[in-house]
C-alpha cells in the first residue's frame, strides 16, 4: 500500500475468527513525514492568499497591511521546519485583517492546518 508518502508492508499469519492474533508475524512500516503534506498544503494556501491580497489597491490600508502580513507568513513557512510560535503569532495578526476585509477564502482551511501543525 502506498499512500501520500506512507508505505506499509505487512506479513503475517492468516487471520480468522472473532479475535485475530498474529504470533510470529512481522511488520515493516515506513510512515515518512505525514505532516509534510499538510505543511505543503498550508504553503499553497498562504501563497494563494498573498496572490489574492496583491489585487487590493494601494489606497486600501487594511488590504496593504494584510498583504504584508500574509507575505511575511509565507516567508516564515518557506523554511524546512517553520517556527510554530512565530507562524501562530503572524496568523493572529493577519486573521483579524482578513475578517475586516471580508476575505473568507481559505481562512478556515489555513486555521485548521495551523492547528494540526503547530
PDB file of N, CA and C in Angstrom:
ATOM      1  N   UNK A   1       0.856  -1.156   0.000  1.00  0.00           N
ATOM      2  CA  UNK A   1       0.000   0.000   0.000  1.00  0.00           C
ATOM      3  C   UNK A   1       0.904   1.222   0.000  1.00  0.00           C
ATOM      4  N   UNK A   2       0.673   2.133  -0.891  1.00  0.00           N
ATOM      5  CA  UNK A   2       1.443   3.370  -0.926  1.00  0.00           C
ATOM      6  C   UNK A   2       0.470   4.524  -1.027  1.00  0.00           C
ATOM      7  N   UNK A   3       0.486   5.389  -0.023  1.00  0.00           N
ATOM      8  CA  UNK A   3      -0.498   6.463   0.014  1.00  0.00           C
ATOM      9  C   UNK A   3       0.120   7.692   0.661  1.00  0.00           C
ATOM     10  N   UNK A   4       0.195   8.798  -0.070  1.00  0.00           N
ATOM     11  CA  UNK A   4       0.707  10.069   0.436  1.00  0.00           C
ATOM     12  C   UNK A   4       2.067   9.936   1.104  1.00  0.00           C
ATOM     13  N   UNK A   5       2.973   9.226   0.471  1.00  0.00           N
ATOM     14  CA  UNK A   5       4.312   9.104   1.009  1.00  0.00           C
ATOM     15  C   UNK A   5       4.429   8.126   2.159  1.00  0.00           C
ATOM     16  N   UNK A   6       3.379   7.403   2.474  1.00  0.00           N
ATOM     17  CA  UNK A   6       3.411   6.436   3.555  1.00  0.00           C
ATOM     18  C   UNK A   6       3.362   5.048   2.959  1.00  0.00           C
ATOM     19  N   UNK A   7       4.349   4.229   3.266  1.00  0.00           N
ATOM     20  CA  UNK A   7       4.413   2.882   2.716  1.00  0.00           C
ATOM     21  C   UNK A   7       4.220   1.871   3.829  1.00  0.00           C
ATOM     22  N   UNK A   8       3.345   0.924   3.625  1.00  0.00           N
ATOM     23  CA  UNK A   8       3.083  -0.110   4.605  1.00  0.00           C
ATOM     24  C   UNK A   8       3.268  -1.468   3.939  1.00  0.00           C
ATOM     25  N   UNK A   9       4.005  -2.348   4.581  1.00  0.00           N
ATOM     26  CA  UNK A   9       4.214  -3.692   4.065  1.00  0.00           C
ATOM     27  C   UNK A   9       4.035  -4.650   5.231  1.00  0.00           C
ATOM     28  N   UNK A  10       2.945  -5.398   5.252  1.00  0.00           N
ATOM     29  CA  UNK A  10       2.656  -6.297   6.355  1.00  0.00           C
ATOM     30  C   UNK A  10       2.776  -7.742   5.894  1.00  0.00           C
ATOM     31  N   UNK A  11       3.369  -8.570   6.740  1.00  0.00           N
ATOM     32  CA  UNK A  11       3.424 -10.007   6.507  1.00  0.00           C
ATOM     33  C   UNK A  11       2.987 -10.682   7.795  1.00  0.00           C
ATOM     34  N   UNK A  12       2.294 -11.768   7.686  1.00  0.00           N
ATOM     35  CA  UNK A  12       1.895 -12.456   8.911  1.00  0.00           C
ATOM     36  C   UNK A  12       1.081 -13.692   8.604  1.00  0.00           C
ATOM     37  N   UNK A  13       0.503 -14.229   9.653  1.00  0.00           N
ATOM     38  CA  UNK A  13      -0.319 -15.432   9.539  1.00  0.00           C
ATOM     39  C   UNK A  13      -1.663 -15.094   8.928  1.00  0.00           C
ATOM     40  N   UNK A  14      -2.438 -16.155   8.641  1.00  0.00           N
ATOM     41  CA  UNK A  14      -3.797 -15.913   8.193  1.00  0.00           C
ATOM     42  C   UNK A  14      -4.641 -15.566   9.408  1.00  0.00           C
ATOM     43  N   UNK A  15      -5.626 -14.763   9.156  1.00  0.00           N
ATOM     44  CA  UNK A  15      -6.469 -14.285  10.235  1.00  0.00           C
ATOM     45  C   UNK A  15      -7.877 -14.828  10.043  1.00  0.00           C
ATOM     46  N   UNK A  16      -8.473 -15.295  11.147  1.00  0.00           N
ATOM     47  CA  UNK A  16      -9.858 -15.762  11.098  1.00  0.00           C
ATOM     48  C   UNK A  16     -10.411 -15.760  12.510  1.00  0.00           C
ATOM     49  N   UNK A  17     -11.722 -15.786  12.611  1.00  0.00           N
ATOM     50  CA  UNK A  17     -12.357 -15.800  13.917  1.00  0.00           C
ATOM     51  C   UNK A  17     -12.601 -14.406  14.466  1.00  0.00           C
ATOM     52  N   UNK A  18     -13.286 -14.347  15.627  1.00  0.00           N
ATOM     53  CA  UNK A  18     -13.641 -13.055  16.186  1.00  0.00           C
ATOM     54  C   UNK A  18     -12.445 -12.274  16.742  1.00  0.00           C
ATOM     55  N   UNK A  19     -11.389 -12.973  17.161  1.00  0.00           N
ATOM     56  CA  UNK A  19     -10.191 -12.305  17.653  1.00  0.00           C
ATOM     57  C   UNK A  19      -9.025 -12.718  16.777  1.00  0.00           C
ATOM     58  N   UNK A  20      -8.303 -11.742  16.290  1.00  0.00           N
ATOM     59  CA  UNK A  20      -7.209 -12.022  15.365  1.00  0.00           C
ATOM     60  C   UNK A  20      -5.873 -11.704  16.019  1.00  0.00           C
ATOM     61  N   UNK A  21      -5.051 -12.725  16.171  1.00  0.00           N
ATOM     62  CA  UNK A  21      -3.708 -12.561  16.698  1.00  0.00           C
ATOM     63  C   UNK A  21      -2.741 -13.103  15.667  1.00  0.00           C
ATOM     64  N   UNK A  22      -1.568 -12.538  15.617  1.00  0.00           N
ATOM     65  CA  UNK A  22      -0.571 -12.980  14.637  1.00  0.00           C
ATOM     66  C   UNK A  22       0.731 -13.321  15.350  1.00  0.00           C
ATOM     67  N   UNK A  23       0.787 -14.463  16.008  1.00  0.00           N
ATOM     68  CA  UNK A  23       2.034 -14.822  16.664  1.00  0.00           C
ATOM     69  C   UNK A  23       3.129 -15.064  15.632  1.00  0.00           C
ATOM     70  N   UNK A  24       4.271 -14.482  15.863  1.00  0.00           N
ATOM     71  CA  UNK A  24       5.394 -14.699  14.949  1.00  0.00           C
ATOM     72  C   UNK A  24       5.324 -13.890  13.671  1.00  0.00           C
ATOM     73  N   UNK A  25       4.318 -13.051  13.491  1.00  0.00           N
ATOM     74  CA  UNK A  25       4.216 -12.248  12.274  1.00  0.00           C
ATOM     75  C   UNK A  25       5.222 -11.107  12.295  1.00  0.00           C
ATOM     76  N   UNK A  26       5.408 -10.481  11.160  1.00  0.00           N
ATOM     77  CA  UNK A  26       6.320  -9.342  11.097  1.00  0.00           C
ATOM     78  C   UNK A  26       5.632  -8.185  10.393  1.00  0.00           C
ATOM     79  N   UNK A  27       6.119  -7.008  10.668  1.00  0.00           N
ATOM     80  CA  UNK A  27       5.559  -5.821  10.023  1.00  0.00           C
ATOM     81  C   UNK A  27       6.684  -4.843   9.738  1.00  0.00           C
ATOM     82  N   UNK A  28       6.667  -4.275   8.550  1.00  0.00           N
ATOM     83  CA  UNK A  28       7.626  -3.246   8.172  1.00  0.00           C
ATOM     84  C   UNK A  28       6.822  -2.005   7.839  1.00  0.00           C
ATOM     85  N   UNK A  29       7.083  -0.934   8.542  1.00  0.00           N
ATOM     86  CA  UNK A  29       6.301   0.280   8.332  1.00  0.00           C
ATOM     87  C   UNK A  29       7.246   1.450   8.142  1.00  0.00           C
ATOM     88  N   UNK A  30       7.074   2.169   7.060  1.00  0.00           N
ATOM     89  CA  UNK A  30       7.767   3.430   6.857  1.00  0.00           C
ATOM     90  C   UNK A  30       6.697   4.484   6.696  1.00  0.00           C
ATOM     91  N   UNK A  31       6.514   5.260   7.717  1.00  0.00           N
ATOM     92  CA  UNK A  31       5.439   6.237   7.669  1.00  0.00           C
ATOM     93  C   UNK A  31       5.874   7.515   6.982  1.00  0.00           C
ATOM     94  N   UNK A  32       7.125   7.866   7.064  1.00  0.00           N
ATOM     95  CA  UNK A  32       7.566   9.110   6.461  1.00  0.00           C
ATOM     96  C   UNK A  32       7.090  10.295   7.277  1.00  0.00           C
ATOM     97  N   UNK A  33       7.098  11.444   6.690  1.00  0.00           N
ATOM     98  CA  UNK A  33       6.689  12.659   7.381  1.00  0.00           C
ATOM     99  C   UNK A  33       5.262  12.992   6.989  1.00  0.00           C
ATOM    100  N   UNK A  34       4.301  12.533   7.769  1.00  0.00           N
ATOM    101  CA  UNK A  34       2.903  12.753   7.458  1.00  0.00           C
ATOM    102  C   UNK A  34       2.507  14.214   7.466  1.00  0.00           C
ATOM    103  N   UNK A  35       3.221  15.017   8.281  1.00  0.00           N
ATOM    104  CA  UNK A  35       2.889  16.432   8.350  1.00  0.00           C
ATOM    105  C   UNK A  35       3.435  17.202   7.162  1.00  0.00           C
ATOM    106  N   UNK A  36       4.366  16.631   6.432  1.00  0.00           N
ATOM    107  CA  UNK A  36       4.956  17.334   5.290  1.00  0.00           C
ATOM    108  C   UNK A  36       3.870  17.692   4.278  1.00  0.00           C
ATOM    109  N   UNK A  37       2.932  16.788   4.032  1.00  0.00           N
ATOM    110  CA  UNK A  37       1.849  17.082   3.094  1.00  0.00           C
ATOM    111  C   UNK A  37       0.987  18.240   3.566  1.00  0.00           C
ATOM    112  N   UNK A  38       0.693  18.269   4.870  1.00  0.00           N
ATOM    113  CA  UNK A  38      -0.104  19.370   5.412  1.00  0.00           C
ATOM    114  C   UNK A  38       0.659  20.683   5.341  1.00  0.00           C
ATOM    115  N   UNK A  39       1.963  20.637   5.598  1.00  0.00           N
ATOM    116  CA  UNK A  39       2.772  21.851   5.528  1.00  0.00           C
ATOM    117  C   UNK A  39       2.813  22.384   4.100  1.00  0.00           C
ATOM    118  N   UNK A  40       2.957  21.487   3.130  1.00  0.00           N
ATOM    119  CA  UNK A  40       2.935  21.910   1.726  1.00  0.00           C
ATOM    120  C   UNK A  40       1.586  22.514   1.356  1.00  0.00           C
ATOM    121  N   UNK A  41       0.514  21.906   1.859  1.00  0.00           N
ATOM    122  CA  UNK A  41      -0.827  22.432   1.590  1.00  0.00           C
ATOM    123  C   UNK A  41      -0.986  23.819   2.211  1.00  0.00           C
ATOM    124  N   UNK A  42      -0.472  23.995   3.433  1.00  0.00           N
ATOM    125  CA  UNK A  42      -0.534  25.301   4.091  1.00  0.00           C
ATOM    126  C   UNK A  42       0.244  26.335   3.294  1.00  0.00           C
ATOM    127  N   UNK A  43       1.410  25.954   2.813  1.00  0.00           N
ATOM    128  CA  UNK A  43       2.216  26.875   1.998  1.00  0.00           C
ATOM    129  C   UNK A  43       1.451  27.315   0.754  1.00  0.00           C
ATOM    130  N   UNK A  44       0.779  26.356   0.106  1.00  0.00           N
ATOM    131  CA  UNK A  44      -0.005  26.679  -1.101  1.00  0.00           C
ATOM    132  C   UNK A  44      -1.143  27.646  -0.783  1.00  0.00           C
ATOM    133  N   UNK A  45      -1.868  27.373   0.297  1.00  0.00           N
ATOM    134  CA  UNK A  45      -2.999  28.233   0.662  1.00  0.00           C
ATOM    135  C   UNK A  45      -2.544  29.646   1.002  1.00  0.00           C
ATOM    136  N   UNK A  46      -1.424  29.758   1.711  1.00  0.00           N
ATOM    137  CA  UNK A  46      -0.918  31.090   2.060  1.00  0.00           C
ATOM    138  C   UNK A  46      -0.427  31.805   0.806  1.00  0.00           C
ATOM    139  N   UNK A  47       0.205  31.081  -0.118  1.00  0.00           N
ATOM    140  CA  UNK A  47       0.650  31.692  -1.378  1.00  0.00           C
ATOM    141  C   UNK A  47      -0.550  32.204  -2.176  1.00  0.00           C
ATOM    142  N   UNK A  48      -1.638  31.424  -2.205  1.00  0.00           N
ATOM    143  CA  UNK A  48      -2.858  31.866  -2.891  1.00  0.00           C
ATOM    144  C   UNK A  48      -3.442  33.100  -2.207  1.00  0.00           C
ATOM    145  N   UNK A  49      -3.370  33.126  -0.882  1.00  0.00           N
ATOM    146  CA  UNK A  49      -3.867  34.277  -0.131  1.00  0.00           C
ATOM    147  C   UNK A  49      -3.049  35.521  -0.459  1.00  0.00           C
ATOM    148  N   UNK A  50      -1.730  35.376  -0.501  1.00  0.00           N
ATOM    149  CA  UNK A  50      -0.858  36.504  -0.854  1.00  0.00           C
ATOM    150  C   UNK A  50      -1.221  37.015  -2.244  1.00  0.00           C
ATOM    151  N   UNK A  51      -1.428  36.091  -3.174  1.00  0.00           N
ATOM    152  CA  UNK A  51      -1.790  36.472  -4.548  1.00  0.00           C
ATOM    153  C   UNK A  51      -3.110  37.236  -4.577  1.00  0.00           C
ATOM    154  N   UNK A  52      -4.107  36.750  -3.846  1.00  0.00           N
ATOM    155  CA  UNK A  52      -5.408  37.436  -3.859  1.00  0.00           C
ATOM    156  C   UNK A  52      -5.322  38.798  -3.172  1.00  0.00           C
ATOM    157  N   UNK A  53      -4.507  38.916  -2.131  1.00  0.00           N
ATOM    158  CA  UNK A  53      -4.363  40.205  -1.439  1.00  0.00           C
ATOM    159  C   UNK A  53      -3.570  41.210  -2.258  1.00  0.00           C
ATOM    160  N   UNK A  54      -2.761  40.737  -3.187  1.00  0.00           N
ATOM    161  CA  UNK A  54      -1.973  41.649  -4.026  1.00  0.00           C
ATOM    162  C   UNK A  54      -2.866  42.456  -4.965  1.00  0.00           C
ATOM    163  N   UNK A  55      -4.105  42.050  -5.123  1.00  0.00           N
ATOM    164  CA  UNK A  55      -5.033  42.736  -6.030  1.00  0.00           C
ATOM    165  C   UNK A  55      -5.687  43.963  -5.400  1.00  0.00           C
ATOM    166  N   UNK A  56      -5.525  44.130  -4.082  1.00  0.00           N
ATOM    167  CA  UNK A  56      -6.103  45.309  -3.429  1.00  0.00           C
ATOM    168  C   UNK A  56      -5.359  46.550  -3.873  1.00  0.00           C
ATOM    169  N   UNK A  57      -6.101  47.647  -3.984  1.00  0.00           N
ATOM    170  CA  UNK A  57      -5.485  48.905  -4.430  1.00  0.00           C
ATOM    171  C   UNK A  57      -4.529  49.431  -3.361  1.00  0.00           C
ATOM    172  N   UNK A  58      -3.572  50.223  -3.794  1.00  0.00           N
ATOM    173  CA  UNK A  58      -2.582  50.783  -2.878  1.00  0.00           C
ATOM    174  C   UNK A  58      -3.219  51.690  -1.831  1.00  0.00           C
ATOM    175  N   UNK A  59      -4.371  52.264  -2.139  1.00  0.00           N
ATOM    176  CA  UNK A  59      -5.043  53.162  -1.212  1.00  0.00           C
ATOM    177  C   UNK A  59      -5.749  52.441  -0.077  1.00  0.00           C
ATOM    178  N   UNK A  60      -5.893  51.141  -0.167  1.00  0.00           N
ATOM    179  CA  UNK A  60      -6.575  50.359   0.858  1.00  0.00           C
ATOM    180  C   UNK A  60      -5.566  49.966   1.940  1.00  0.00           C
ATOM    181  N   UNK A  61      -5.609  50.682   3.061  1.00  0.00           N
ATOM    182  CA  UNK A  61      -4.629  50.476   4.133  1.00  0.00           C
ATOM    183  C   UNK A  61      -4.723  49.065   4.709  1.00  0.00           C
ATOM    184  N   UNK A  62      -5.951  48.597   4.995  1.00  0.00           N
ATOM    185  CA  UNK A  62      -6.112  47.257   5.554  1.00  0.00           C
ATOM    186  C   UNK A  62      -5.649  46.185   4.576  1.00  0.00           C
ATOM    187  N   UNK A  63      -5.956  46.397   3.294  1.00  0.00           N
ATOM    188  CA  UNK A  63      -5.509  45.448   2.272  1.00  0.00           C
ATOM    189  C   UNK A  63      -3.994  45.377   2.188  1.00  0.00           C
ATOM    190  N   UNK A  64      -3.349  46.539   2.261  1.00  0.00           N
ATOM    191  CA  UNK A  64      -1.883  46.582   2.212  1.00  0.00           C
ATOM    192  C   UNK A  64      -1.278  45.921   3.443  1.00  0.00           C
ATOM    193  N   UNK A  65      -1.869  46.175   4.611  1.00  0.00           N
ATOM    194  CA  UNK A  65      -1.362  45.541   5.841  1.00  0.00           C
ATOM    195  C   UNK A  65      -1.550  44.031   5.787  1.00  0.00           C
ATOM    196  N   UNK A  66      -2.710  43.589   5.305  1.00  0.00           N
ATOM    197  CA  UNK A  66      -2.964  42.152   5.198  1.00  0.00           C
ATOM    198  C   UNK A  66      -1.990  41.506   4.223  1.00  0.00           C
ATOM    199  N   UNK A  67      -1.729  42.182   3.114  1.00  0.00           N
ATOM    200  CA  UNK A  67      -0.771  41.665   2.132  1.00  0.00           C
ATOM    201  C   UNK A  67       0.615  41.520   2.759  1.00  0.00           C
ATOM    202  N   UNK A  68       1.048  42.542   3.492  1.00  0.00           N
ATOM    203  CA  UNK A  68       2.361  42.489   4.145  1.00  0.00           C
ATOM    204  C   UNK A  68       2.432  41.345   5.154  1.00  0.00           C
ATOM    205  N   UNK A  69       1.389  41.206   5.972  1.00  0.00           N
ATOM    206  CA  UNK A  69       1.363  40.137   6.981  1.00  0.00           C
ATOM    207  C   UNK A  69       1.360  38.755   6.319  1.00  0.00           C
ATOM    208  N   UNK A  70       0.564  38.599   5.263  1.00  0.00           N
ATOM    209  CA  UNK A  70       0.497  37.311   4.564  1.00  0.00           C
ATOM    210  C   UNK A  70       1.826  36.991   3.889  1.00  0.00           C
ATOM    211  N   UNK A  71       2.470  37.998   3.319  1.00  0.00           N
ATOM    212  CA  UNK A  71       3.776  37.790   2.680  1.00  0.00           C
ATOM    213  C   UNK A  71       4.819  37.362   3.707  1.00  0.00           C
ATOM    214  N   UNK A  72       4.787  38.000   4.875  1.00  0.00           N
ATOM    215  CA  UNK A  72       5.721  37.628   5.938  1.00  0.00           C
ATOM    216  C   UNK A  72       5.444  36.212   6.440  1.00  0.00           C
ATOM    217  N   UNK A  73       4.171  35.841   6.503  1.00  0.00           N
ATOM    218  CA  UNK A  73       3.823  34.483   6.925  1.00  0.00           C
ATOM    219  C   UNK A  73       4.322  33.468   5.904  1.00  0.00           C
ATOM    220  N   UNK A  74       4.175  33.791   4.624  1.00  0.00           N
ATOM    221  CA  UNK A  74       4.671  32.903   3.565  1.00  0.00           C
ATOM    222  C   UNK A  74       6.180  32.714   3.698  1.00  0.00           C
ATOM    223  N   UNK A  75       6.891  33.784   4.026  1.00  0.00           N
ATOM    224  CA  UNK A  75       8.344  33.684   4.220  1.00  0.00           C
ATOM    225  C   UNK A  75       8.679  32.781   5.403  1.00  0.00           C
ATOM    226  N   UNK A  76       7.925  32.898   6.493  1.00  0.00           N
ATOM    227  CA  UNK A  76       8.150  32.038   7.657  1.00  0.00           C
ATOM    228  C   UNK A  76       7.963  30.566   7.305  1.00  0.00           C
ATOM    229  N   UNK A  77       6.994  30.289   6.433  1.00  0.00           N
ATOM    230  CA  UNK A  77       6.679  28.906   6.073  1.00  0.00           C
ATOM    231  C   UNK A  77       7.650  28.309   5.064  1.00  0.00           C
ATOM    232  N   UNK A  78       8.502  29.137   4.454  1.00  0.00           N
ATOM    233  CA  UNK A  78       9.444  28.631   3.455  1.00  0.00           C
ATOM    234  C   UNK A  78      10.558  27.791   4.061  1.00  0.00           C
ATOM    235  N   UNK A  79      10.839  27.965   5.346  1.00  0.00           N
ATOM    236  CA  UNK A  79      11.917  27.204   5.966  1.00  0.00           C
ATOM    237  C   UNK A  79      11.533  25.731   6.070  1.00  0.00           C
ATOM    238  N   UNK A  80      12.540  24.885   6.217  1.00  0.00           N
ATOM    239  CA  UNK A  80      12.305  23.442   6.310  1.00  0.00           C
ATOM    240  C   UNK A  80      11.437  23.096   7.509  1.00  0.00           C
ATOM    241  N   UNK A  81      11.748  23.677   8.651  1.00  0.00           N
ATOM    242  CA  UNK A  81      10.969  23.454   9.876  1.00  0.00           C
ATOM    243  C   UNK A  81      10.549  24.811  10.443  1.00  0.00           C
ATOM    244  N   UNK A  82       9.415  25.317   9.989  1.00  0.00           N
ATOM    245  CA  UNK A  82       8.974  26.639  10.444  1.00  0.00           C
ATOM    246  C   UNK A  82       8.768  26.682  11.960  1.00  0.00           C
ATOM    247  N   UNK A  83       9.082  27.823  12.553  1.00  0.00           N
ATOM    248  CA  UNK A  83       8.879  28.028  13.981  1.00  0.00           C
ATOM    249  C   UNK A  83       7.387  28.226  14.242  1.00  0.00           C
ATOM    250  N   UNK A  84       6.793  27.274  14.926  1.00  0.00           N
ATOM    251  CA  UNK A  84       5.356  27.295  15.158  1.00  0.00           C
ATOM    252  C   UNK A  84       4.866  28.533  15.874  1.00  0.00           C
ATOM    253  N   UNK A  85       5.618  28.977  16.870  1.00  0.00           N
ATOM    254  CA  UNK A  85       5.199  30.156  17.631  1.00  0.00           C
ATOM    255  C   UNK A  85       5.180  31.402  16.754  1.00  0.00           C
ATOM    256  N   UNK A  86       6.197  31.561  15.923  1.00  0.00           N
ATOM    257  CA  UNK A  86       6.249  32.725  15.021  1.00  0.00           C
ATOM    258  C   UNK A  86       5.109  32.689  14.011  1.00  0.00           C
ATOM    259  N   UNK A  87       4.821  31.507  13.485  1.00  0.00           N
ATOM    260  CA  UNK A  87       3.745  31.364  12.500  1.00  0.00           C
ATOM    261  C   UNK A  87       2.398  31.673  13.150  1.00  0.00           C
ATOM    262  N   UNK A  88       2.167  31.128  14.339  1.00  0.00           N
ATOM    263  CA  UNK A  88       0.897  31.398  15.039  1.00  0.00           C
ATOM    264  C   UNK A  88       0.746  32.882  15.364  1.00  0.00           C
ATOM    265  N   UNK A  89       1.843  33.509  15.793  1.00  0.00           N
ATOM    266  CA  UNK A  89       1.803  34.937  16.116  1.00  0.00           C
ATOM    267  C   UNK A  89       1.459  35.759  14.871  1.00  0.00           C
ATOM    268  N   UNK A  90       2.078  35.409  13.743  1.00  0.00           N
ATOM    269  CA  UNK A  90       1.800  36.123  12.486  1.00  0.00           C
ATOM    270  C   UNK A  90       0.335  35.921  12.092  1.00  0.00           C
ATOM    271  N   UNK A  91      -0.175  34.701  12.234  1.00  0.00           N
ATOM    272  CA  UNK A  91      -1.566  34.408  11.896  1.00  0.00           C
ATOM    273  C   UNK A  91      -2.519  35.201  12.791  1.00  0.00           C
ATOM    274  N   UNK A  92      -2.169  35.357  14.070  1.00  0.00           N
ATOM    275  CA  UNK A  92      -3.047  36.100  14.979  1.00  0.00           C
ATOM    276  C   UNK A  92      -3.133  37.576  14.592  1.00  0.00           C
ATOM    277  N   UNK A  93      -2.140  38.080  13.904  1.00  0.00           N
ATOM    278  CA  UNK A  93      -2.191  39.465  13.406  1.00  0.00           C
ATOM    279  C   UNK A  93      -2.912  39.549  12.058  1.00  0.00           C
ATOM    280  N   UNK A  94      -2.766  38.514  11.262  1.00  0.00           N
ATOM    281  CA  UNK A  94      -3.330  38.518   9.910  1.00  0.00           C
ATOM    282  C   UNK A  94      -4.828  38.238   9.897  1.00  0.00           C
ATOM    283  N   UNK A  95      -5.274  37.288  10.686  1.00  0.00           N
ATOM    284  CA  UNK A  95      -6.674  36.860  10.623  1.00  0.00           C
ATOM    285  C   UNK A  95      -7.672  37.993  10.851  1.00  0.00           C
ATOM    286  N   UNK A  96      -7.496  38.871  11.860  1.00  0.00           N
ATOM    287  CA  UNK A  96      -8.458  39.973  12.025  1.00  0.00           C
ATOM    288  C   UNK A  96      -8.509  40.904  10.812  1.00  0.00           C
ATOM    289  N   UNK A  97      -7.362  41.105  10.171  1.00  0.00           N
ATOM    290  CA  UNK A  97      -7.347  41.942   8.965  1.00  0.00           C
ATOM    291  C   UNK A  97      -8.174  41.302   7.853  1.00  0.00           C
ATOM    292  N   UNK A  98      -8.057  39.986   7.726  1.00  0.00           N
ATOM    293  CA  UNK A  98      -8.825  39.277   6.693  1.00  0.00           C
ATOM    294  C   UNK A  98     -10.316  39.379   6.972  1.00  0.00           C
ATOM    295  N   UNK A  99     -10.690  39.298   8.246  1.00  0.00           N
ATOM    296  CA  UNK A  99     -12.106  39.423   8.607  1.00  0.00           C
ATOM    297  C   UNK A  99     -12.615  40.836   8.325  1.00  0.00           C
ATOM    298  N   UNK A 100     -11.775  41.846   8.578  1.00  0.00           N
ATOM    299  CA  UNK A 100     -12.143  43.236   8.283  1.00  0.00           C
ATOM    300  C   UNK A 100     -12.366  43.432   6.794  1.00  0.00           C
ATOM    301  N   UNK A 101     -11.521  42.786   5.998  1.00  0.00           N
ATOM    302  CA  UNK A 101     -11.621  42.913   4.542  1.00  0.00           C
ATOM    303  C   UNK A 101     -12.745  42.074   3.958  1.00  0.00           C
ATOM    304  N   UNK A 102     -13.300  41.177   4.769  1.00  0.00           N
ATOM    305  CA  UNK A 102     -14.328  40.282   4.260  1.00  0.00           C
ATOM    306  C   UNK A 102     -13.745  39.180   3.400  1.00  0.00           C
ATOM    307  N   UNK A 103     -12.461  38.917   3.575  1.00  0.00           N
ATOM    308  CA  UNK A 103     -11.792  37.862   2.810  1.00  0.00           C
ATOM    309  C   UNK A 103     -11.998  36.548   3.526  1.00  0.00           C
ATOM    310  N   UNK A 104     -12.939  35.766   3.065  1.00  0.00           N
ATOM    311  CA  UNK A 104     -13.210  34.485   3.694  1.00  0.00           C
ATOM    312  C   UNK A 104     -12.272  33.448   3.101  1.00  0.00           C
ATOM    313  N   UNK A 105     -12.309  33.291   1.799  1.00  0.00           N
ATOM    314  CA  UNK A 105     -11.407  32.393   1.085  1.00  0.00           C
ATOM    315  C   UNK A 105     -11.069  31.131   1.839  1.00  0.00           C
ATOM    316  N   UNK A 106      -9.798  30.938   2.068  1.00  0.00           N
ATOM    317  CA  UNK A 106      -9.325  29.713   2.694  1.00  0.00           C
ATOM    318  C   UNK A 106      -8.920  29.930   4.146  1.00  0.00           C
ATOM    319  N   UNK A 107      -9.519  30.930   4.800  1.00  0.00           N
ATOM    320  CA  UNK A 107      -9.168  31.252   6.182  1.00  0.00           C
ATOM    321  C   UNK A 107      -9.395  30.053   7.098  1.00  0.00           C
ATOM    322  N   UNK A 108     -10.534  29.391   6.967  1.00  0.00           N
ATOM    323  CA  UNK A 108     -10.825  28.235   7.819  1.00  0.00           C
ATOM    324  C   UNK A 108      -9.846  27.096   7.557  1.00  0.00           C
ATOM    325  N   UNK A 109      -9.503  26.874   6.300  1.00  0.00           N
ATOM    326  CA  UNK A 109      -8.546  25.815   5.961  1.00  0.00           C
ATOM    327  C   UNK A 109      -7.168  26.119   6.530  1.00  0.00           C
ATOM    328  N   UNK A 110      -6.743  27.368   6.414  1.00  0.00           N
ATOM    329  CA  UNK A 110      -5.442  27.768   6.958  1.00  0.00           C
ATOM    330  C   UNK A 110      -5.446  27.596   8.475  1.00  0.00           C
ATOM    331  N   UNK A 111      -6.513  28.052   9.127  1.00  0.00           N
ATOM    332  CA  UNK A 111      -6.606  27.931  10.582  1.00  0.00           C
ATOM    333  C   UNK A 111      -6.573  26.464  11.012  1.00  0.00           C
ATOM    334  N   UNK A 112      -7.271  25.606  10.278  1.00  0.00           N
ATOM    335  CA  UNK A 112      -7.275  24.182  10.600  1.00  0.00           C
ATOM    336  C   UNK A 112      -5.903  23.547  10.460  1.00  0.00           C
ATOM    337  N   UNK A 113      -5.209  23.868   9.376  1.00  0.00           N
ATOM    338  CA  UNK A 113      -3.869  23.323   9.166  1.00  0.00           C
ATOM    339  C   UNK A 113      -2.893  23.841  10.220  1.00  0.00           C
ATOM    340  N   UNK A 114      -3.012  25.112  10.575  1.00  0.00           N
ATOM    341  CA  UNK A 114      -2.153  25.660  11.630  1.00  0.00           C
ATOM    342  C   UNK A 114      -2.385  24.926  12.944  1.00  0.00           C
ATOM    343  N   UNK A 115      -3.652  24.629  13.229  1.00  0.00           N
ATOM    344  CA  UNK A 115      -3.969  23.881  14.446  1.00  0.00           C
ATOM    345  C   UNK A 115      -3.365  22.490  14.442  1.00  0.00           C
ATOM    346  N   UNK A 116      -3.351  21.841  13.286  1.00  0.00           N
ATOM    347  CA  UNK A 116      -2.774  20.500  13.179  1.00  0.00           C
ATOM    348  C   UNK A 116      -1.257  20.511  13.263  1.00  0.00           C
ATOM    349  N   UNK A 117      -0.642  21.502  12.646  1.00  0.00           N
ATOM    350  CA  UNK A 117       0.813  21.516  12.508  1.00  0.00           C
ATOM    351  C   UNK A 117       1.539  22.151  13.683  1.00  0.00           C
ATOM    352  N   UNK A 118       0.953  23.202  14.236  1.00  0.00           N
ATOM    353  CA  UNK A 118       1.667  23.954  15.268  1.00  0.00           C
ATOM    354  C   UNK A 118       0.852  23.981  16.526  1.00  0.00           C
TER     355      UNK A 118
END
